[in-house]
C-alpha atoms as a PDB file:
ATOM      1  CA  UNK A   1       1.344 -15.683  -7.334  1.00  0.00           C
ATOM      2  CA  UNK A   2       3.042 -12.907  -5.365  1.00  0.00           C
ATOM      3  CA  UNK A   3      -0.004 -10.636  -5.583  1.00  0.00           C
ATOM      4  CA  UNK A   4      -2.366 -13.167  -4.010  1.00  0.00           C
ATOM      5  CA  UNK A   5      -1.090 -12.877  -0.392  1.00  0.00           C
ATOM      6  CA  UNK A   6      -1.147  -9.079  -0.494  1.00  0.00           C
ATOM      7  CA  UNK A   7      -4.649  -8.919  -1.934  1.00  0.00           C
ATOM      8  CA  UNK A   8      -5.966 -11.553   0.466  1.00  0.00           C
ATOM      9  CA  UNK A   9      -4.516  -9.789   3.526  1.00  0.00           C
ATOM     10  CA  UNK A  10      -5.882  -6.439   2.332  1.00  0.00           C
ATOM     11  CA  UNK A  11      -9.362  -7.879   1.815  1.00  0.00           C
ATOM     12  CA  UNK A  12      -9.180  -9.623   5.181  1.00  0.00           C
ATOM     13  CA  UNK A  13      -8.237  -6.390   6.937  1.00  0.00           C
ATOM     14  CA  UNK A  14     -11.013  -4.418   5.225  1.00  0.00           C
ATOM     15  CA  UNK A  15     -13.652  -7.037   6.049  1.00  0.00           C
ATOM     16  CA  UNK A  16     -12.568  -7.374   9.664  1.00  0.00           C
ATOM     17  CA  UNK A  17     -12.411  -3.622  10.199  1.00  0.00           C
ATOM     18  CA  UNK A  18     -15.965  -3.261   8.853  1.00  0.00           C
ATOM     19  CA  UNK A  19     -17.483  -6.311  10.550  1.00  0.00           C
ATOM     20  CA  UNK A  20     -15.641  -6.261  13.857  1.00  0.00           C
ATOM     21  CA  UNK A  21     -15.244  -2.531  14.431  1.00  0.00           C
ATOM     22  CA  UNK A  22     -17.920  -2.584  17.145  1.00  0.00           C
ATOM     23  CA  UNK A  23     -16.368  -5.549  18.998  1.00  0.00           C
ATOM     24  CA  UNK A  24     -12.868  -4.611  20.156  1.00  0.00           C
ATOM     25  CA  UNK A  25     -11.912  -8.156  21.151  1.00  0.00           C
ATOM     26  CA  UNK A  26     -12.738  -9.597  17.722  1.00  0.00           C
ATOM     27  CA  UNK A  27     -10.949  -6.693  16.059  1.00  0.00           C
ATOM     28  CA  UNK A  28      -7.877  -7.402  18.180  1.00  0.00           C
ATOM     29  CA  UNK A  29      -7.991 -11.112  17.333  1.00  0.00           C
ATOM     30  CA  UNK A  30      -8.262 -10.392  13.616  1.00  0.00           C
ATOM     31  CA  UNK A  31      -5.344  -7.962  13.809  1.00  0.00           C
ATOM     32  CA  UNK A  32      -3.225 -10.524  15.629  1.00  0.00           C
ATOM     33  CA  UNK A  33      -4.137 -13.093  12.958  1.00  0.00           C
ATOM     34  CA  UNK A  34      -3.094 -10.776  10.115  1.00  0.00           C
ATOM     35  CA  UNK A  35       0.174  -9.755  11.781  1.00  0.00           C
ATOM     36  CA  UNK A  36       0.921 -13.370  12.682  1.00  0.00           C
ATOM     37  CA  UNK A  37       0.354 -14.343   9.047  1.00  0.00           C
ATOM     38  CA  UNK A  38       2.751 -11.646   7.860  1.00  0.00           C
ATOM     39  CA  UNK A  39       5.427 -12.505  10.411  1.00  0.00           C
ATOM     40  CA  UNK A  40       5.111 -16.256   9.938  1.00  0.00           C
ATOM     41  CA  UNK A  41       5.246 -15.948   6.155  1.00  0.00           C
ATOM     42  CA  UNK A  42       8.468 -13.970   6.405  1.00  0.00           C
ATOM     43  CA  UNK A  43      10.024 -16.349   8.916  1.00  0.00           C
ATOM     44  CA  UNK A  44       9.011 -19.409   6.874  1.00  0.00           C
ATOM     45  CA  UNK A  45      10.560 -17.897   3.733  1.00  0.00           C
ATOM     46  CA  UNK A  46      13.806 -17.178   5.561  1.00  0.00           C
ATOM     47  CA  UNK A  47      13.895 -20.691   7.002  1.00  0.00           C
ATOM     48  CA  UNK A  48      13.374 -22.096   3.481  1.00  0.00           C
ATOM     49  CA  UNK A  49      16.396 -20.085   2.345  1.00  0.00           C
ATOM     50  CA  UNK A  50      18.446 -21.549   5.189  1.00  0.00           C
ATOM     51  CA  UNK A  51      17.301 -25.063   4.275  1.00  0.00           C
ATOM     52  CA  UNK A  52      18.325 -24.453   0.659  1.00  0.00           C
ATOM     53  CA  UNK A  53      21.755 -23.243   1.787  1.00  0.00           C
ATOM     54  CA  UNK A  54      22.159 -26.305   3.999  1.00  0.00           C
ATOM     55  CA  UNK A  55      21.060 -28.636   1.188  1.00  0.00           C
ATOM     56  CA  UNK A  56      23.616 -27.015  -1.107  1.00  0.00           C
ATOM     57  CA  UNK A  57      26.301 -27.487   1.528  1.00  0.00           C
ATOM     58  CA  UNK A  58      25.405 -31.149   1.945  1.00  0.00           C
ATOM     59  CA  UNK A  59      25.475 -31.599  -1.822  1.00  0.00           C
ATOM     60  CA  UNK A  60      28.928 -30.013  -2.046  1.00  0.00           C
ATOM     61  CA  UNK A  61      30.209 -32.022   0.898  1.00  0.00           C
ATOM     62  CA  UNK A  62      29.095 -35.192  -0.910  1.00  0.00           C
ATOM     63  CA  UNK A  63      31.979 -34.642  -3.322  1.00  0.00           C
ATOM     64  CA  UNK A  64      35.610 -34.971  -2.356  1.00  0.00           C
ATOM     65  CA  UNK A  65      36.256 -31.608  -0.713  1.00  0.00           C
ATOM     66  CA  UNK A  66      39.252 -30.585   1.369  1.00  0.00           C
ATOM     67  CA  UNK A  67      38.932 -29.579   5.012  1.00  0.00           C
ATOM     68  CA  UNK A  68      39.714 -25.983   4.087  1.00  0.00           C
ATOM     69  CA  UNK A  69      36.843 -25.887   1.581  1.00  0.00           C
ATOM     70  CA  UNK A  70      34.518 -27.457   4.166  1.00  0.00           C
ATOM     71  CA  UNK A  71      35.473 -24.754   6.655  1.00  0.00           C
ATOM     72  CA  UNK A  72      34.741 -22.050   4.063  1.00  0.00           C
ATOM     73  CA  UNK A  73      31.332 -23.593   3.295  1.00  0.00           C
ATOM     74  CA  UNK A  74      30.473 -23.808   7.006  1.00  0.00           C
ATOM     75  CA  UNK A  75      31.559 -20.195   7.548  1.00  0.00           C
ATOM     76  CA  UNK A  76      29.340 -19.021   4.679  1.00  0.00           C
ATOM     77  CA  UNK A  77      26.396 -20.980   6.068  1.00  0.00           C
ATOM     78  CA  UNK A  78      26.855 -19.397   9.497  1.00  0.00           C
ATOM     79  CA  UNK A  79      27.049 -15.969   7.893  1.00  0.00           C
ATOM     80  CA  UNK A  80      23.787 -16.530   5.980  1.00  0.00           C
ATOM     81  CA  UNK A  81      22.076 -17.809   9.142  1.00  0.00           C
ATOM     82  CA  UNK A  82      23.203 -14.783  11.144  1.00  0.00           C
ATOM     83  CA  UNK A  83      22.077 -12.465   8.351  1.00  0.00           C
ATOM     84  CA  UNK A  84      18.601 -14.055   8.290  1.00  0.00           C
ATOM     85  CA  UNK A  85      18.306 -13.705  12.070  1.00  0.00           C
ATOM     86  CA  UNK A  86      19.145  -9.992  11.787  1.00  0.00           C
ATOM     87  CA  UNK A  87      16.505  -9.470   9.071  1.00  0.00           C
ATOM     88  CA  UNK A  88      13.832 -11.299  11.089  1.00  0.00           C
ATOM     89  CA  UNK A  89      14.730  -9.306  14.214  1.00  0.00           C
ATOM     90  CA  UNK A  90      14.447  -6.041  12.262  1.00  0.00           C
ATOM     91  CA  UNK A  91      11.006  -7.089  11.029  1.00  0.00           C
ATOM     92  CA  UNK A  92       9.807  -7.962  14.527  1.00  0.00           C
ATOM     93  CA  UNK A  93      11.168  -4.719  15.969  1.00  0.00           C
ATOM     94  CA  UNK A  94       9.354  -2.705  13.302  1.00  0.00           C
ATOM     95  CA  UNK A  95       6.067  -4.584  13.808  1.00  0.00           C
ATOM     96  CA  UNK A  96       6.108  -4.541  17.620  1.00  0.00           C
ATOM     97  CA  UNK A  97       4.870  -0.936  18.134  1.00  0.00           C
ATOM     98  CA  UNK A  98       1.897  -1.503  15.850  1.00  0.00           C
ATOM     99  CA  UNK A  99       0.923  -4.729  17.576  1.00  0.00           C
ATOM    100  CA  UNK A 100       1.246  -3.192  21.038  1.00  0.00           C
ATOM    101  CA  UNK A 101      -0.779  -0.156  20.019  1.00  0.00           C
ATOM    102  CA  UNK A 102      -3.482  -2.360  18.537  1.00  0.00           C
ATOM    103  CA  UNK A 103      -3.553  -4.469  21.714  1.00  0.00           C
ATOM    104  CA  UNK A 104      -4.283  -1.409  23.843  1.00  0.00           C
ATOM    105  CA  UNK A 105      -6.458   0.419  21.298  1.00  0.00           C
ATOM    106  CA  UNK A 106      -9.614   0.257  23.403  1.00  0.00           C
ATOM    107  CA  UNK A 107      -7.878   1.533  26.555  1.00  0.00           C
ATOM    108  CA  UNK A 108      -6.197   4.544  24.995  1.00  0.00           C
ATOM    109  CA  UNK A 109      -8.455   5.869  22.237  1.00  0.00           C
ATOM    110  CA  UNK A 110      -6.979   9.387  22.107  1.00  0.00           C
ATOM    111  CA  UNK A 111      -3.399   8.118  22.147  1.00  0.00           C
ATOM    112  CA  UNK A 112      -4.300   5.542  19.484  1.00  0.00           C
ATOM    113  CA  UNK A 113      -5.459   8.254  17.089  1.00  0.00           C
ATOM    114  CA  UNK A 114      -2.216  10.149  17.616  1.00  0.00           C
ATOM    115  CA  UNK A 115       0.188   7.179  17.553  1.00  0.00           C
ATOM    116  CA  UNK A 116      -1.390   5.133  14.742  1.00  0.00           C
ATOM    117  CA  UNK A 117       0.293   7.059  11.884  1.00  0.00           C
ATOM    118  CA  UNK A 118       3.639   6.714  13.660  1.00  0.00           C
ATOM    119  CA  UNK A 119       3.317   2.962  14.053  1.00  0.00           C
ATOM    120  CA  UNK A 120       2.376   2.595  10.391  1.00  0.00           C
ATOM    121  CA  UNK A 121       5.452   4.643   9.513  1.00  0.00           C
ATOM    122  CA  UNK A 122       7.627   2.367  11.647  1.00  0.00           C
ATOM    123  CA  UNK A 123       6.210  -0.683   9.853  1.00  0.00           C
ATOM    124  CA  UNK A 124       7.036   0.920   6.517  1.00  0.00           C
ATOM    125  CA  UNK A 125      10.533   1.816   7.702  1.00  0.00           C
ATOM    126  CA  UNK A 126      11.272  -1.913   7.713  1.00  0.00           C
ATOM    127  CA  UNK A 127      11.224  -1.774   3.918  1.00  0.00           C
ATOM    128  CA  UNK A 128      13.909   0.895   4.028  1.00  0.00           C
ATOM    129  CA  UNK A 129      15.961  -0.848   6.708  1.00  0.00           C
ATOM    130  CA  UNK A 130      16.260  -4.175   4.870  1.00  0.00           C
ATOM    131  CA  UNK A 131      18.324  -2.803   1.942  1.00  0.00           C
ATOM    132  CA  UNK A 132      20.586  -0.955   4.380  1.00  0.00           C
ATOM    133  CA  UNK A 133      21.171  -4.160   6.351  1.00  0.00           C
ATOM    134  CA  UNK A 134      21.828  -6.080   3.138  1.00  0.00           C
ATOM    135  CA  UNK A 135      24.303  -3.503   1.835  1.00  0.00           C
ATOM    136  CA  UNK A 136      26.132  -3.297   5.163  1.00  0.00           C
ATOM    137  CA  UNK A 137      26.461  -7.069   5.468  1.00  0.00           C
ATOM    138  CA  UNK A 138      27.183  -8.070   1.857  1.00  0.00           C
ATOM    139  CA  UNK A 139      30.462  -6.981   0.303  1.00  0.00           C
ATOM    140  CA  UNK A 140      29.506  -8.098  -3.225  1.00  0.00           C
ATOM    141  CA  UNK A 141      26.280  -6.092  -3.029  1.00  0.00           C
ATOM    142  CA  UNK A 142      28.226  -2.998  -1.930  1.00  0.00           C
ATOM    143  CA  UNK A 143      30.556  -3.356  -4.903  1.00  0.00           C
ATOM    144  CA  UNK A 144      27.592  -3.766  -7.269  1.00  0.00           C
ATOM    145  CA  UNK A 145      25.901  -0.670  -5.836  1.00  0.00           C
ATOM    146  CA  UNK A 146      29.115   1.357  -6.187  1.00  0.00           C
ATOM    147  CA  UNK A 147      29.378   0.339  -9.834  1.00  0.00           C
ATOM    148  CA  UNK A 148      25.779   1.466 -10.451  1.00  0.00           C
ATOM    149  CA  UNK A 149      26.020   4.811  -8.652  1.00  0.00           C
ATOM    150  CA  UNK A 150      28.849   7.013  -9.928  1.00  0.00           C
ATOM    151  CA  UNK A 151      30.452   8.969  -7.095  1.00  0.00           C
END
């Protein structure tokens, strides 16, 4: 199930690059569609996580819970929401250079050839940034990592 989106996006990109390479506008539209799909999929998954957290909170609040426990649950929910916003912002920041470069590809052909590898690298950096964000923001994850890596 997880392989299907990656394979479908890869095939879509290959087909659009071959078919639309002569028409810059269609190439731009296909690129925007692929990047929108990737961004929207990520945002939708994060929103589903937030909905699950909220549903769990509502389920817990359905039982007799003290005000102190309710405050703790609300604080955890806010922390998860803030964490998801940070991860989505990091993704958008890492994808922005690539999208901007693709938007102006036809105007700056020489610069595109030089900058393209850098924008791909920035997109890939997002995969390295996410674990750093998670480790910095999650105390339990830091403890688990320390127990795995002997220092």
